C-alpha atoms as a PDB file:
ATOM      1  CA  MET A   1      90.481 130.339  93.296  1.00  0.00           C
ATOM      2  CA  LYS A   2      90.409 126.892  91.717  1.00  0.00           C
ATOM      3  CA  ASN A   3      87.664 126.099  89.203  1.00  0.00           C
ATOM      4  CA  TRP A   4      86.718 122.633  90.457  1.00  0.00           C
ATOM      5  CA  LYS A   5      84.693 121.781  87.361  1.00  0.00           C
ATOM      6  CA  ASN A   6      87.820 122.025  85.228  1.00  0.00           C
ATOM      7  CA  GLY A   7      90.432 120.425  87.430  1.00  0.00           C
ATOM      8  CA  PHE A   8      91.219 118.475  90.550  1.00  0.00           C
ATOM      9  CA  ASP A   9      94.492 118.523  92.450  1.00  0.00           C
ATOM     10  CA  SER A  10      94.955 115.193  94.202  1.00  0.00           C
ATOM     11  CA  ARG A  11      97.821 116.443  96.357  1.00  0.00           C
ATOM     12  CA  PRO A  12      97.055 117.271  99.973  1.00  0.00           C
ATOM     13  CA  SER A  13      97.024 121.053 100.098  1.00  0.00           C
ATOM     14  CA  ASN A  14     100.125 121.191 102.280  1.00  0.00           C
ATOM     15  CA  GLU A  15     101.938 119.690  99.276  1.00  0.00           C
ATOM     16  CA  ALA A  16     100.310 122.032  96.754  1.00  0.00           C
ATOM     17  CA  ALA A  17     101.263 125.616  96.065  1.00  0.00           C
ATOM     18  CA  ASP A  18      98.099 126.862  97.658  1.00  0.00           C
ATOM     19  CA  GLU A  19      97.259 130.159  99.345  1.00  0.00           C
ATOM     20  CA  ASN A  20      94.737 128.591 101.724  1.00  0.00           C
ATOM     21  CA  PRO A  21      96.114 125.241 102.838  1.00  0.00           C
ATOM     22  CA  HIS A  22      93.581 122.872 104.343  1.00  0.00           C
ATOM     23  CA  THR A  23      94.184 119.663 106.213  1.00  0.00           C
ATOM     24  CA  MET A  24      91.869 117.349 108.071  1.00  0.00           C
ATOM     25  CA  THR A  25      92.378 114.488 110.470  1.00  0.00           C
ATOM     26  CA  VAL A  26      89.856 111.940 111.693  1.00  0.00           C
ATOM     27  CA  ALA A  27      90.627 110.734 115.214  1.00  0.00           C
ATOM     28  CA  GLY A  28      94.261 111.672 114.595  1.00  0.00           C
ATOM     29  CA  GLU A  29      94.583 110.045 111.150  1.00  0.00           C
ATOM     30  CA  GLY A  30      95.075 112.416 108.231  1.00  0.00           C
ATOM     31  CA  ARG A  31      96.310 110.354 105.298  1.00  0.00           C
ATOM     32  CA  ALA A  32      94.095 107.267 105.297  1.00  0.00           C
ATOM     33  CA  PRO A  33      91.321 107.318 107.889  1.00  0.00           C
ATOM     34  CA  GLU A  34      89.524 103.997 108.181  1.00  0.00           C
ATOM     35  CA  PRO A  35      86.110 103.075 109.582  1.00  0.00           C
ATOM     36  CA  SER A  36      87.710 102.496 112.995  1.00  0.00           C
ATOM     37  CA  HIS A  37      88.812 106.160 113.056  1.00  0.00           C
ATOM     38  CA  LEU A  38      85.324 107.290 112.086  1.00  0.00           C
ATOM     39  CA  SER A  39      83.803 105.071 114.790  1.00  0.00           C
ATOM     40  CA  ARG A  40      86.175 106.522 117.392  1.00  0.00           C
ATOM     41  CA  LEU A  41      85.239 110.049 116.349  1.00  0.00           C
ATOM     42  CA  ALA A  42      81.533 109.166 116.488  1.00  0.00           C
ATOM     43  CA  ALA A  43      81.938 107.826 120.021  1.00  0.00           C
ATOM     44  CA  LEU A  44      83.638 111.074 121.063  1.00  0.00           C
ATOM     45  CA  ALA A  45      80.624 112.949 119.646  1.00  0.00           C
ATOM     46  CA  GLY A  46      78.201 110.775 121.584  1.00  0.00           C
ATOM     47  CA  ILE A  47      76.927 108.830 118.560  1.00  0.00           C
ATOM     48  CA  SER A  48      76.117 105.191 119.292  1.00  0.00           C
ATOM     49  CA  SER A  49      78.190 102.528 117.548  1.00  0.00           C
ATOM     50  CA  ARG A  50      75.016 101.277 115.831  1.00  0.00           C
ATOM     51  CA  ASP A  51      74.176 104.732 114.465  1.00  0.00           C
ATOM     52  CA  ALA A  52      77.798 105.347 113.491  1.00  0.00           C
ATOM     53  CA  ALA A  53      77.917 102.082 111.531  1.00  0.00           C
ATOM     54  CA  ALA A  54      74.695 103.022 109.719  1.00  0.00           C
ATOM     55  CA  ILE A  55      76.024 106.489 108.849  1.00  0.00           C
ATOM     56  CA  ILE A  56      79.369 105.097 107.644  1.00  0.00           C
ATOM     57  CA  ASP A  57      77.501 102.583 105.455  1.00  0.00           C
ATOM     58  CA  GLU A  58      75.200 105.276 104.055  1.00  0.00           C
ATOM     59  CA  VAL A  59      78.133 107.528 103.155  1.00  0.00           C
ATOM     60  CA  GLY A  60      79.970 104.582 101.570  1.00  0.00           C
ATOM     61  CA  THR A  61      76.925 103.860  99.424  1.00  0.00           C
ATOM     62  CA  ALA A  62      76.747 107.497  98.289  1.00  0.00           C
ATOM     63  CA  VAL A  63      80.500 107.632  97.544  1.00  0.00           C
ATOM     64  CA  ALA A  64      80.192 104.467  95.445  1.00  0.00           C
ATOM     65  CA  ARG A  65      77.857 106.485  93.219  1.00  0.00           C
ATOM     66  CA  TRP A  66      80.529 109.180  92.720  1.00  0.00           C
ATOM     67  CA  PRO A  67      80.582 108.995  88.898  1.00  0.00           C
ATOM     68  CA  GLU A  68      76.824 109.543  88.712  1.00  0.00           C
ATOM     69  CA  TRP A  69      76.786 112.484  91.164  1.00  0.00           C
ATOM     70  CA  ALA A  70      79.861 114.076  89.590  1.00  0.00           C
ATOM     71  CA  GLU A  71      78.423 113.917  86.089  1.00  0.00           C
ATOM     72  CA  LEU A  72      75.175 115.483  87.297  1.00  0.00           C
ATOM     73  CA  ALA A  73      77.212 118.272  88.915  1.00  0.00           C
ATOM     74  CA  GLY A  74      79.127 118.955  85.698  1.00  0.00           C
ATOM     75  CA  VAL A  75      82.542 117.749  86.887  1.00  0.00           C
ATOM     76  CA  SER A  76      84.862 117.163  83.920  1.00  0.00           C
ATOM     77  CA  LYS A  77      85.422 113.568  82.802  1.00  0.00           C
ATOM     78  CA  LYS A  78      89.137 113.851  83.534  1.00  0.00           C
ATOM     79  CA  SER A  79      88.479 114.965  87.114  1.00  0.00           C
ATOM     80  CA  ARG A  80      85.708 112.370  87.567  1.00  0.00           C
ATOM     81  CA  ASP A  81      88.068 109.604  86.445  1.00  0.00           C
ATOM     82  CA  THR A  82      90.935 110.845  88.634  1.00  0.00           C
ATOM     83  CA  ILE A  83      88.739 111.007  91.727  1.00  0.00           C
ATOM     84  CA  LYS A  84      87.085 107.661  90.924  1.00  0.00           C
ATOM     85  CA  ALA A  85      90.520 106.008  90.773  1.00  0.00           C
ATOM     86  CA  MET A  86      91.442 107.572  94.139  1.00  0.00           C
ATOM     87  CA  ILE A  87      88.200 106.303  95.697  1.00  0.00           C
ATOM     88  CA  GLN A  88      88.794 102.812  94.347  1.00  0.00           C
ATOM     89  CA  ALA A  89      92.387 102.819  95.624  1.00  0.00           C
ATOM     90  CA  GLY A  90      91.057 103.525  99.103  1.00  0.00           C
END
């Protein structure tokens, strides 16, 4: 099992040598889901477009605070910086 405080593997698990591969798609998009994919998924779940937009905004605000949350959780600086760069790249 991976010790997530000491390392982060940025490869999708189907590209990593991993015993328990995990993949996820959002409204059919797996590599780079965008807000439109999230909105489509919300509609399928019966969430109004207004509520979906508010939730997407709230999550975006929390993700923007990644460095703060990660430091509080004890994530290594190297992993924090790697993940921060991935978030910023979109």
